[in-house]
Amino acid sequence: MKYPGQPQEIPVFQNSTFTIPVNDPHQVWNSDEHEDLQVLVIISRPPVKIFTYDDWSVPHTAAKLKFPYFWDEDCLPAPKDEL
């Protein structure tokens, strides 16, 4: 989308479930600096296109596309050599 419209902030609480329609731009962030945010994402139609932003003020049109996106690229630590 060139112009996704006005952003909406929708609070999500512990044990919440929500869906995001296909091709809807969205963003999830943790508003509580004292608690970790853990999100389980289930994608029904891979592959998925990921857009990254340098900071919160970057407009949608300036986002950088990262495709393909490998989910374990930044999430999993390197295995330790235990020998």
Protein backbone atom coordinates (compact mmCIF):
# COMPACT_ATOMS: atom_id res chain seq x y z
CA MET A 1 0.00 0.00 0.00
CA LYS A 2 1.30 3.42 -0.84
CA TYR A 3 -0.70 5.20 1.82
CA PRO A 4 -1.91 2.85 4.56
CA GLY A 5 -4.00 5.55 6.28
CA GLN A 6 -3.94 6.72 9.86
CA PRO A 7 -2.24 4.31 12.27
CA GLN A 8 -4.46 2.77 14.91
CA GLU A 9 -3.16 1.67 18.27
CA ILE A 10 -4.88 -1.45 19.56
CA PRO A 11 -3.84 -2.66 23.02
CA VAL A 12 -3.15 -6.38 23.32
CA PHE A 13 -3.05 -8.03 26.72
CA GLN A 14 -1.71 -11.28 28.15
CA ASN A 15 -3.13 -14.37 26.40
CA SER A 16 -4.72 -12.27 23.64
CA THR A 17 -5.40 -13.70 20.21
CA PHE A 18 -5.81 -11.56 17.11
CA THR A 19 -5.67 -11.86 13.35
CA ILE A 20 -4.31 -9.48 10.77
CA PRO A 21 -5.92 -9.52 7.31
CA VAL A 22 -3.73 -10.48 4.35
CA ASN A 23 -1.64 -7.56 3.02
CA ASP A 24 -2.56 -5.23 5.91
CA PRO A 25 0.54 -3.34 7.07
CA HIS A 26 1.00 -3.78 10.81
CA GLN A 27 3.51 -3.37 13.59
CA VAL A 28 3.76 -4.90 17.07
CA TRP A 29 5.76 -3.28 19.85
CA ASN A 30 6.16 -3.62 23.58
CA SER A 31 4.87 -0.60 25.49
CA ASP A 32 5.96 -1.98 28.89
CA GLU A 33 9.64 -1.37 29.55
CA HIS A 34 9.56 -3.68 32.60
CA GLU A 35 8.16 -6.82 30.92
CA ASP A 36 9.39 -8.85 27.97
CA LEU A 37 7.07 -9.20 25.01
CA GLN A 38 6.66 -12.70 23.63
CA VAL A 39 4.57 -13.21 20.51
CA LEU A 40 3.72 -16.45 18.75
CA VAL A 41 3.14 -15.77 15.06
CA ILE A 42 1.36 -18.25 12.82
CA ILE A 43 1.52 -17.50 9.12
CA SER A 44 -1.01 -19.26 6.96
CA ARG A 45 0.30 -18.11 3.59
CA PRO A 46 4.10 -18.11 3.43
CA PRO A 47 6.33 -16.74 2.04
CA VAL A 48 5.96 -13.51 3.92
CA LYS A 49 7.41 -10.10 3.05
CA ILE A 50 9.05 -8.25 5.93
CA PHE A 51 9.53 -4.49 5.85
CA THR A 52 12.02 -2.95 8.27
CA TYR A 53 12.13 0.60 9.59
CA ASP A 54 15.13 2.51 10.91
CA ASP A 55 12.99 4.11 13.63
CA TRP A 56 9.36 4.69 14.58
CA SER A 57 9.07 7.95 12.63
CA VAL A 58 9.90 6.43 9.22
CA PRO A 59 6.86 6.52 6.89
CA HIS A 60 5.59 3.26 5.42
CA THR A 61 6.76 4.27 1.95
CA ALA A 62 10.38 4.45 3.20
CA ALA A 63 10.45 0.94 4.68
CA LYS A 64 13.07 -1.51 3.42
CA LEU A 65 11.82 -4.82 2.03
CA LYS A 66 13.58 -7.93 3.33
CA PHE A 67 12.55 -10.88 1.16
CA PRO A 68 12.95 -13.74 1.57
CA TYR A 69 13.02 -13.56 5.35
CA PHE A 70 14.47 -16.46 7.29
CA TRP A 71 12.83 -16.60 10.71
CA ASP A 72 15.76 -18.10 12.57
CA GLU A 73 18.27 -15.62 11.17
CA ASP A 74 18.28 -13.27 14.18
CA CYS A 75 16.20 -15.23 16.66
CA LEU A 76 18.24 -18.30 17.51
CA PRO A 77 21.63 -18.07 19.20
CA ALA A 78 24.54 -19.89 17.62
CA PRO A 79 24.90 -23.42 19.02
CA LYS A 80 27.60 -23.83 21.66
CA ASP A 81 30.38 -26.29 21.08
CA GLU A 82 30.15 -28.40 24.22
CA LEU A 83 33.04 -30.76 23.41
